[in-house]
Amino acid sequence: MECKTEGTVISAKKQWWCSVRTKAFRTGPLDGTIFPYIIKVKYTVDGKEYTKRKWIHAGRPVPEVGSTVQLSYASEKPSKVKLI
């Protein structure tokens, strides 16, 4: 059974080593380049606290540190979580 909870973003780091080019022709070294992020999320299920890292694809909005995000998890395995 899939359950939902809220988590708090405790860090967000840009992955400089993995760039995605959005322009066919660039005029500078980072012109049109976007980067994915890895965020660290803290959440609690049944009184147990979890901390997980989640990948945010390049071009998607990155939640700010301290903000709340919606998460889903399987009731039998709350340590495996997905961003909603």
PDB file of N, CA and C in Angstrom:
ATOM      1  N   MET A   1       0.841  -1.180   0.000  1.00  0.00           N
ATOM      2  CA  MET A   1       0.000   0.000   0.000  1.00  0.00           C
ATOM      3  C   MET A   1       0.886   1.244   0.000  1.00  0.00           C
ATOM      4  N   GLU A   2       0.565   2.175  -0.857  1.00  0.00           N
ATOM      5  CA  GLU A   2       1.355   3.399  -0.949  1.00  0.00           C
ATOM      6  C   GLU A   2       0.834   4.448   0.033  1.00  0.00           C
ATOM      7  N   CYS A   3       1.756   5.029   0.782  1.00  0.00           N
ATOM      8  CA  CYS A   3       1.427   6.053   1.771  1.00  0.00           C
ATOM      9  C   CYS A   3       2.130   7.346   1.400  1.00  0.00           C
ATOM     10  N   LYS A   4       1.668   8.437   1.998  1.00  0.00           N
ATOM     11  CA  LYS A   4       2.273   9.740   1.736  1.00  0.00           C
ATOM     12  C   LYS A   4       2.683  10.395   3.040  1.00  0.00           C
ATOM     13  N   THR A   5       3.720  11.220   2.935  1.00  0.00           N
ATOM     14  CA  THR A   5       4.192  11.989   4.084  1.00  0.00           C
ATOM     15  C   THR A   5       4.867  13.254   3.578  1.00  0.00           C
ATOM     16  N   GLU A   6       5.242  14.112   4.505  1.00  0.00           N
ATOM     17  CA  GLU A   6       5.973  15.322   4.156  1.00  0.00           C
ATOM     18  C   GLU A   6       7.397  15.201   4.666  1.00  0.00           C
ATOM     19  N   GLY A   7       8.318  15.770   3.910  1.00  0.00           N
ATOM     20  CA  GLY A   7       9.717  15.787   4.305  1.00  0.00           C
ATOM     21  C   GLY A   7      10.256  17.202   4.246  1.00  0.00           C
ATOM     22  N   THR A   8      11.374  17.429   4.909  1.00  0.00           N
ATOM     23  CA  THR A   8      12.026  18.729   4.918  1.00  0.00           C
ATOM     24  C   THR A   8      13.348  18.622   4.175  1.00  0.00           C
ATOM     25  N   VAL A   9      13.587  19.551   3.261  1.00  0.00           N
ATOM     26  CA  VAL A   9      14.833  19.578   2.506  1.00  0.00           C
ATOM     27  C   VAL A   9      15.922  20.136   3.417  1.00  0.00           C
ATOM     28  N   ILE A  10      16.995  19.352   3.628  1.00  0.00           N
ATOM     29  CA  ILE A  10      18.069  19.816   4.508  1.00  0.00           C
ATOM     30  C   ILE A  10      19.327  20.202   3.736  1.00  0.00           C
ATOM     31  N   SER A  11      19.414  19.849   2.446  1.00  0.00           N
ATOM     32  CA  SER A  11      20.523  20.327   1.614  1.00  0.00           C
ATOM     33  C   SER A  11      20.169  20.143   0.149  1.00  0.00           C
ATOM     34  N   ALA A  12      20.802  20.956  -0.699  1.00  0.00           N
ATOM     35  CA  ALA A  12      20.633  20.859  -2.153  1.00  0.00           C
ATOM     36  C   ALA A  12      21.978  21.184  -2.779  1.00  0.00           C
ATOM     37  N   LYS A  13      22.499  20.247  -3.556  1.00  0.00           N
ATOM     38  CA  LYS A  13      23.815  20.432  -4.169  1.00  0.00           C
ATOM     39  C   LYS A  13      23.730  20.262  -5.672  1.00  0.00           C
ATOM     40  N   LYS A  14      24.282  21.247  -6.376  1.00  0.00           N
ATOM     41  CA  LYS A  14      24.340  21.193  -7.827  1.00  0.00           C
ATOM     42  C   LYS A  14      25.407  20.187  -8.243  1.00  0.00           C
ATOM     43  N   GLN A  15      25.094  19.369  -9.231  1.00  0.00           N
ATOM     44  CA  GLN A  15      26.018  18.363  -9.741  1.00  0.00           C
ATOM     45  C   GLN A  15      26.767  18.935 -10.941  1.00  0.00           C
ATOM     46  N   TRP A  16      27.854  19.647 -10.662  1.00  0.00           N
ATOM     47  CA  TRP A  16      28.624  20.329 -11.693  1.00  0.00           C
ATOM     48  C   TRP A  16      29.206  19.373 -12.729  1.00  0.00           C
ATOM     49  N   TRP A  17      29.434  18.141 -12.361  1.00  0.00           N
ATOM     50  CA  TRP A  17      30.071  17.178 -13.259  1.00  0.00           C
ATOM     51  C   TRP A  17      29.123  16.654 -14.331  1.00  0.00           C
ATOM     52  N   CYS A  18      27.821  16.914 -14.190  1.00  0.00           N
ATOM     53  CA  CYS A  18      26.823  16.390 -15.136  1.00  0.00           C
ATOM     54  C   CYS A  18      26.058  17.562 -15.747  1.00  0.00           C
ATOM     55  N   SER A  19      26.507  18.051 -16.888  1.00  0.00           N
ATOM     56  CA  SER A  19      25.849  19.202 -17.509  1.00  0.00           C
ATOM     57  C   SER A  19      24.935  18.761 -18.649  1.00  0.00           C
ATOM     58  N   VAL A  20      23.862  19.516 -18.840  1.00  0.00           N
ATOM     59  CA  VAL A  20      22.922  19.269 -19.926  1.00  0.00           C
ATOM     60  C   VAL A  20      22.884  20.542 -20.769  1.00  0.00           C
ATOM     61  N   ARG A  21      23.228  20.418 -22.027  1.00  0.00           N
ATOM     62  CA  ARG A  21      23.226  21.578 -22.918  1.00  0.00           C
ATOM     63  C   ARG A  21      21.840  21.755 -23.528  1.00  0.00           C
ATOM     64  N   THR A  22      21.329  22.972 -23.471  1.00  0.00           N
ATOM     65  CA  THR A  22      19.991  23.246 -23.997  1.00  0.00           C
ATOM     66  C   THR A  22      20.015  24.036 -25.295  1.00  0.00           C
ATOM     67  N   LYS A  23      21.198  24.434 -25.749  1.00  0.00           N
ATOM     68  CA  LYS A  23      21.324  25.182 -27.003  1.00  0.00           C
ATOM     69  C   LYS A  23      22.237  24.425 -27.961  1.00  0.00           C
ATOM     70  N   ALA A  24      21.885  24.480 -29.227  1.00  0.00           N
ATOM     71  CA  ALA A  24      22.723  23.825 -30.233  1.00  0.00           C
ATOM     72  C   ALA A  24      24.007  24.611 -30.477  1.00  0.00           C
ATOM     73  N   PHE A  25      23.914  25.930 -30.358  1.00  0.00           N
ATOM     74  CA  PHE A  25      25.074  26.786 -30.582  1.00  0.00           C
ATOM     75  C   PHE A  25      25.305  27.616 -29.324  1.00  0.00           C
ATOM     76  N   ARG A  26      26.512  27.547 -28.781  1.00  0.00           N
ATOM     77  CA  ARG A  26      26.822  28.279 -27.556  1.00  0.00           C
ATOM     78  C   ARG A  26      27.826  29.379 -27.855  1.00  0.00           C
ATOM     79  N   THR A  27      27.680  30.494 -27.150  1.00  0.00           N
ATOM     80  CA  THR A  27      28.624  31.603 -27.308  1.00  0.00           C
ATOM     81  C   THR A  27      29.609  31.678 -26.148  1.00  0.00           C
ATOM     82  N   GLY A  28      29.379  30.908 -25.105  1.00  0.00           N
ATOM     83  CA  GLY A  28      30.265  30.880 -23.944  1.00  0.00           C
ATOM     84  C   GLY A  28      30.318  29.474 -23.387  1.00  0.00           C
ATOM     85  N   PRO A  29      31.221  29.218 -22.432  1.00  0.00           N
ATOM     86  CA  PRO A  29      31.392  27.858 -21.924  1.00  0.00           C
ATOM     87  C   PRO A  29      30.169  27.286 -21.198  1.00  0.00           C
ATOM     88  N   LEU A  30      29.356  28.118 -20.568  1.00  0.00           N
ATOM     89  CA  LEU A  30      28.178  27.616 -19.854  1.00  0.00           C
ATOM     90  C   LEU A  30      26.877  28.156 -20.429  1.00  0.00           C
ATOM     91  N   ASP A  31      26.922  28.723 -21.620  1.00  0.00           N
ATOM     92  CA  ASP A  31      25.738  29.278 -22.265  1.00  0.00           C
ATOM     93  C   ASP A  31      24.734  28.164 -22.561  1.00  0.00           C
ATOM     94  N   GLY A  32      23.562  28.251 -21.970  1.00  0.00           N
ATOM     95  CA  GLY A  32      22.521  27.257 -22.201  1.00  0.00           C
ATOM     96  C   GLY A  32      22.734  25.943 -21.476  1.00  0.00           C
ATOM     97  N   THR A  33      23.627  25.904 -20.504  1.00  0.00           N
ATOM     98  CA  THR A  33      23.898  24.679 -19.766  1.00  0.00           C
ATOM     99  C   THR A  33      23.120  24.678 -18.452  1.00  0.00           C
ATOM    100  N   ILE A  34      22.447  23.579 -18.162  1.00  0.00           N
ATOM    101  CA  ILE A  34      21.746  23.420 -16.885  1.00  0.00           C
ATOM    102  C   ILE A  34      22.306  22.183 -16.187  1.00  0.00           C
ATOM    103  N   PHE A  35      22.117  22.121 -14.878  1.00  0.00           N
ATOM    104  CA  PHE A  35      22.694  21.053 -14.073  1.00  0.00           C
ATOM    105  C   PHE A  35      21.629  20.406 -13.193  1.00  0.00           C
ATOM    106  N   PRO A  36      21.703  19.096 -12.987  1.00  0.00           N
ATOM    107  CA  PRO A  36      20.812  18.437 -12.029  1.00  0.00           C
ATOM    108  C   PRO A  36      21.277  18.723 -10.598  1.00  0.00           C
ATOM    109  N   TYR A  37      20.418  18.442  -9.650  1.00  0.00           N
ATOM    110  CA  TYR A  37      20.717  18.620  -8.230  1.00  0.00           C
ATOM    111  C   TYR A  37      20.476  17.313  -7.493  1.00  0.00           C
ATOM    112  N   ILE A  38      21.124  17.174  -6.364  1.00  0.00           N
ATOM    113  CA  ILE A  38      20.795  16.112  -5.415  1.00  0.00           C
ATOM    114  C   ILE A  38      20.373  16.812  -4.133  1.00  0.00           C
ATOM    115  N   ILE A  39      19.159  16.500  -3.676  1.00  0.00           N
ATOM    116  CA  ILE A  39      18.690  17.083  -2.429  1.00  0.00           C
ATOM    117  C   ILE A  39      18.699  16.010  -1.346  1.00  0.00           C
ATOM    118  N   LYS A  40      18.877  16.437  -0.114  1.00  0.00           N
ATOM    119  CA  LYS A  40      18.797  15.534   1.025  1.00  0.00           C
ATOM    120  C   LYS A  40      17.512  15.884   1.772  1.00  0.00           C
ATOM    121  N   VAL A  41      16.677  14.875   1.998  1.00  0.00           N
ATOM    122  CA  VAL A  41      15.364  15.057   2.607  1.00  0.00           C
ATOM    123  C   VAL A  41      15.292  14.284   3.915  1.00  0.00           C
ATOM    124  N   LYS A  42      14.731  14.930   4.939  1.00  0.00           N
ATOM    125  CA  LYS A  42      14.521  14.282   6.239  1.00  0.00           C
ATOM    126  C   LYS A  42      13.015  14.129   6.442  1.00  0.00           C
ATOM    127  N   TYR A  43      12.587  12.923   6.827  1.00  0.00           N
ATOM    128  CA  TYR A  43      11.163  12.675   7.056  1.00  0.00           C
ATOM    129  C   TYR A  43      10.993  11.638   8.164  1.00  0.00           C
ATOM    130  N   THR A  44       9.799  11.560   8.710  1.00  0.00           N
ATOM    131  CA  THR A  44       9.508  10.646   9.814  1.00  0.00           C
ATOM    132  C   THR A  44       8.306   9.778   9.457  1.00  0.00           C
ATOM    133  N   VAL A  45       8.437   8.461   9.709  1.00  0.00           N
ATOM    134  CA  VAL A  45       7.344   7.511   9.507  1.00  0.00           C
ATOM    135  C   VAL A  45       7.249   6.650  10.759  1.00  0.00           C
ATOM    136  N   ASP A  46       6.090   6.625  11.381  1.00  0.00           N
ATOM    137  CA  ASP A  46       5.840   5.822  12.591  1.00  0.00           C
ATOM    138  C   ASP A  46       6.875   6.089  13.678  1.00  0.00           C
ATOM    139  N   GLY A  47       7.256   7.340  13.856  1.00  0.00           N
ATOM    140  CA  GLY A  47       8.195   7.715  14.908  1.00  0.00           C
ATOM    141  C   GLY A  47       9.659   7.493  14.584  1.00  0.00           C
ATOM    142  N   LYS A  48       9.959   6.900  13.444  1.00  0.00           N
ATOM    143  CA  LYS A  48      11.348   6.676  13.050  1.00  0.00           C
ATOM    144  C   LYS A  48      11.744   7.714  12.000  1.00  0.00           C
ATOM    145  N   GLU A  49      12.895   8.347  12.210  1.00  0.00           N
ATOM    146  CA  GLU A  49      13.362   9.395  11.306  1.00  0.00           C
ATOM    147  C   GLU A  49      14.270   8.811  10.226  1.00  0.00           C
ATOM    148  N   TYR A  50      14.061   9.266   8.996  1.00  0.00           N
ATOM    149  CA  TYR A  50      14.846   8.827   7.851  1.00  0.00           C
ATOM    150  C   TYR A  50      15.469  10.039   7.172  1.00  0.00           C
ATOM    151  N   THR A  51      16.622   9.832   6.550  1.00  0.00           N
ATOM    152  CA  THR A  51      17.269  10.845   5.726  1.00  0.00           C
ATOM    153  C   THR A  51      17.668  10.174   4.417  1.00  0.00           C
ATOM    154  N   LYS A  52      17.209  10.744   3.313  1.00  0.00           N
ATOM    155  CA  LYS A  52      17.482  10.169   1.992  1.00  0.00           C
ATOM    156  C   LYS A  52      17.936  11.246   1.036  1.00  0.00           C
ATOM    157  N   ARG A  53      18.751  10.846   0.055  1.00  0.00           N
ATOM    158  CA  ARG A  53      19.154  11.736  -1.030  1.00  0.00           C
ATOM    159  C   ARG A  53      18.312  11.403  -2.249  1.00  0.00           C
ATOM    160  N   LYS A  54      17.836  12.448  -2.932  1.00  0.00           N
ATOM    161  CA  LYS A  54      17.011  12.259  -4.124  1.00  0.00           C
ATOM    162  C   LYS A  54      17.539  13.121  -5.254  1.00  0.00           C
ATOM    163  N   TRP A  55      17.521  12.593  -6.460  1.00  0.00           N
ATOM    164  CA  TRP A  55      18.013  13.245  -7.664  1.00  0.00           C
ATOM    165  C   TRP A  55      16.905  14.135  -8.239  1.00  0.00           C
ATOM    166  N   ILE A  56      17.248  15.391  -8.542  1.00  0.00           N
ATOM    167  CA  ILE A  56      16.326  16.308  -9.216  1.00  0.00           C
ATOM    168  C   ILE A  56      16.870  16.518 -10.623  1.00  0.00           C
ATOM    169  N   HIS A  57      16.116  16.129 -11.627  1.00  0.00           N
ATOM    170  CA  HIS A  57      16.576  16.212 -13.010  1.00  0.00           C
ATOM    171  C   HIS A  57      16.849  17.653 -13.426  1.00  0.00           C
ATOM    172  N   ALA A  58      17.779  17.824 -14.334  1.00  0.00           N
ATOM    173  CA  ALA A  58      18.143  19.143 -14.848  1.00  0.00           C
ATOM    174  C   ALA A  58      16.921  19.819 -15.445  1.00  0.00           C
ATOM    175  N   GLY A  59      16.736  21.080 -15.126  1.00  0.00           N
ATOM    176  CA  GLY A  59      15.613  21.843 -15.654  1.00  0.00           C
ATOM    177  C   GLY A  59      14.378  21.816 -14.787  1.00  0.00           C
ATOM    178  N   ARG A  60      14.295  20.899 -13.843  1.00  0.00           N
ATOM    179  CA  ARG A  60      13.149  20.838 -12.941  1.00  0.00           C
ATOM    180  C   ARG A  60      13.360  21.816 -11.783  1.00  0.00           C
ATOM    181  N   PRO A  61      12.298  22.326 -11.194  1.00  0.00           N
ATOM    182  CA  PRO A  61      12.465  23.244 -10.069  1.00  0.00           C
ATOM    183  C   PRO A  61      13.092  22.530  -8.864  1.00  0.00           C
ATOM    184  N   VAL A  62      14.020  23.212  -8.224  1.00  0.00           N
ATOM    185  CA  VAL A  62      14.716  22.649  -7.069  1.00  0.00           C
ATOM    186  C   VAL A  62      14.125  23.269  -5.808  1.00  0.00           C
ATOM    187  N   PRO A  63      13.633  22.445  -4.876  1.00  0.00           N
ATOM    188  CA  PRO A  63      13.088  23.008  -3.643  1.00  0.00           C
ATOM    189  C   PRO A  63      14.199  23.659  -2.809  1.00  0.00           C
ATOM    190  N   GLU A  64      13.838  24.718  -2.123  1.00  0.00           N
ATOM    191  CA  GLU A  64      14.799  25.437  -1.290  1.00  0.00           C
ATOM    192  C   GLU A  64      15.065  24.666   0.002  1.00  0.00           C
ATOM    193  N   VAL A  65      16.263  24.860   0.547  1.00  0.00           N
ATOM    194  CA  VAL A  65      16.617  24.247   1.831  1.00  0.00           C
ATOM    195  C   VAL A  65      15.666  24.793   2.885  1.00  0.00           C
ATOM    196  N   GLY A  66      15.086  23.899   3.679  1.00  0.00           N
ATOM    197  CA  GLY A  66      14.127  24.278   4.702  1.00  0.00           C
ATOM    198  C   GLY A  66      12.686  24.161   4.257  1.00  0.00           C
ATOM    199  N   SER A  67      12.461  23.982   2.962  1.00  0.00           N
ATOM    200  CA  SER A  67      11.091  23.863   2.461  1.00  0.00           C
ATOM    201  C   SER A  67      10.564  22.437   2.659  1.00  0.00           C
ATOM    202  N   THR A  68       9.263  22.296   2.526  1.00  0.00           N
ATOM    203  CA  THR A  68       8.596  21.010   2.696  1.00  0.00           C
ATOM    204  C   THR A  68       8.278  20.420   1.327  1.00  0.00           C
ATOM    205  N   VAL A  69       8.514  19.114   1.182  1.00  0.00           N
ATOM    206  CA  VAL A  69       8.193  18.401  -0.060  1.00  0.00           C
ATOM    207  C   VAL A  69       7.287  17.225   0.258  1.00  0.00           C
ATOM    208  N   GLN A  70       6.486  16.831  -0.720  1.00  0.00           N
ATOM    209  CA  GLN A  70       5.592  15.692  -0.585  1.00  0.00           C
ATOM    210  C   GLN A  70       6.328  14.433  -1.022  1.00  0.00           C
ATOM    211  N   LEU A  71       6.188  13.364  -0.238  1.00  0.00           N
ATOM    212  CA  LEU A  71       6.861  12.100  -0.500  1.00  0.00           C
ATOM    213  C   LEU A  71       5.855  10.963  -0.490  1.00  0.00           C
ATOM    214  N   SER A  72       6.156   9.906  -1.239  1.00  0.00           N
ATOM    215  CA  SER A  72       5.351   8.690  -1.168  1.00  0.00           C
ATOM    216  C   SER A  72       6.281   7.513  -0.909  1.00  0.00           C
ATOM    217  N   TYR A  73       5.756   6.508  -0.219  1.00  0.00           N
ATOM    218  CA  TYR A  73       6.540   5.324   0.110  1.00  0.00           C
ATOM    219  C   TYR A  73       5.609   4.133   0.251  1.00  0.00           C
ATOM    220  N   ALA A  74       6.163   2.943   0.132  1.00  0.00           N
ATOM    221  CA  ALA A  74       5.396   1.714   0.343  1.00  0.00           C
ATOM    222  C   ALA A  74       5.310   1.469   1.851  1.00  0.00           C
ATOM    223  N   SER A  75       4.133   1.127   2.338  1.00  0.00           N
ATOM    224  CA  SER A  75       3.941   0.967   3.789  1.00  0.00           C
ATOM    225  C   SER A  75       4.848  -0.112   4.376  1.00  0.00           C
ATOM    226  N   GLU A  76       5.216  -1.126   3.588  1.00  0.00           N
ATOM    227  CA  GLU A  76       6.086  -2.181   4.108  1.00  0.00           C
ATOM    228  C   GLU A  76       7.570  -1.805   4.064  1.00  0.00           C
ATOM    229  N   LYS A  77       7.925  -0.713   3.343  1.00  0.00           N
ATOM    230  CA  LYS A  77       9.313  -0.298   3.257  1.00  0.00           C
ATOM    231  C   LYS A  77       9.408   1.231   3.220  1.00  0.00           C
ATOM    232  N   PRO A  78       9.235   1.892   4.370  1.00  0.00           N
ATOM    233  CA  PRO A  78       9.250   3.360   4.396  1.00  0.00           C
ATOM    234  C   PRO A  78      10.616   3.972   4.106  1.00  0.00           C
ATOM    235  N   SER A  79      11.674   3.166   4.090  1.00  0.00           N
ATOM    236  CA  SER A  79      13.000   3.716   3.793  1.00  0.00           C
ATOM    237  C   SER A  79      13.170   3.996   2.288  1.00  0.00           C
ATOM    238  N   LYS A  80      12.307   3.448   1.469  1.00  0.00           N
ATOM    239  CA  LYS A  80      12.357   3.686   0.022  1.00  0.00           C
ATOM    240  C   LYS A  80      11.272   4.701  -0.316  1.00  0.00           C
ATOM    241  N   VAL A  81      11.716   5.920  -0.665  1.00  0.00           N
ATOM    242  CA  VAL A  81      10.787   7.033  -0.819  1.00  0.00           C
ATOM    243  C   VAL A  81      10.921   7.671  -2.195  1.00  0.00           C
ATOM    244  N   LYS A  82       9.827   8.256  -2.714  1.00  0.00           N
ATOM    245  CA  LYS A  82       9.833   8.969  -3.991  1.00  0.00           C
ATOM    246  C   LYS A  82       9.279  10.376  -3.762  1.00  0.00           C
ATOM    247  N   LEU A  83       9.826  11.335  -4.520  1.00  0.00           N
ATOM    248  CA  LEU A  83       9.270  12.687  -4.511  1.00  0.00           C
ATOM    249  C   LEU A  83       7.977  12.692  -5.334  1.00  0.00           C
ATOM    250  N   ILE A  84       6.991  13.409  -4.859  1.00  0.00           N
ATOM    251  CA  ILE A  84       5.728  13.515  -5.609  1.00  0.00           C
ATOM    252  C   ILE A  84       5.732  14.816  -6.377  1.00  0.00           C
TER     253      ILE A  84
END
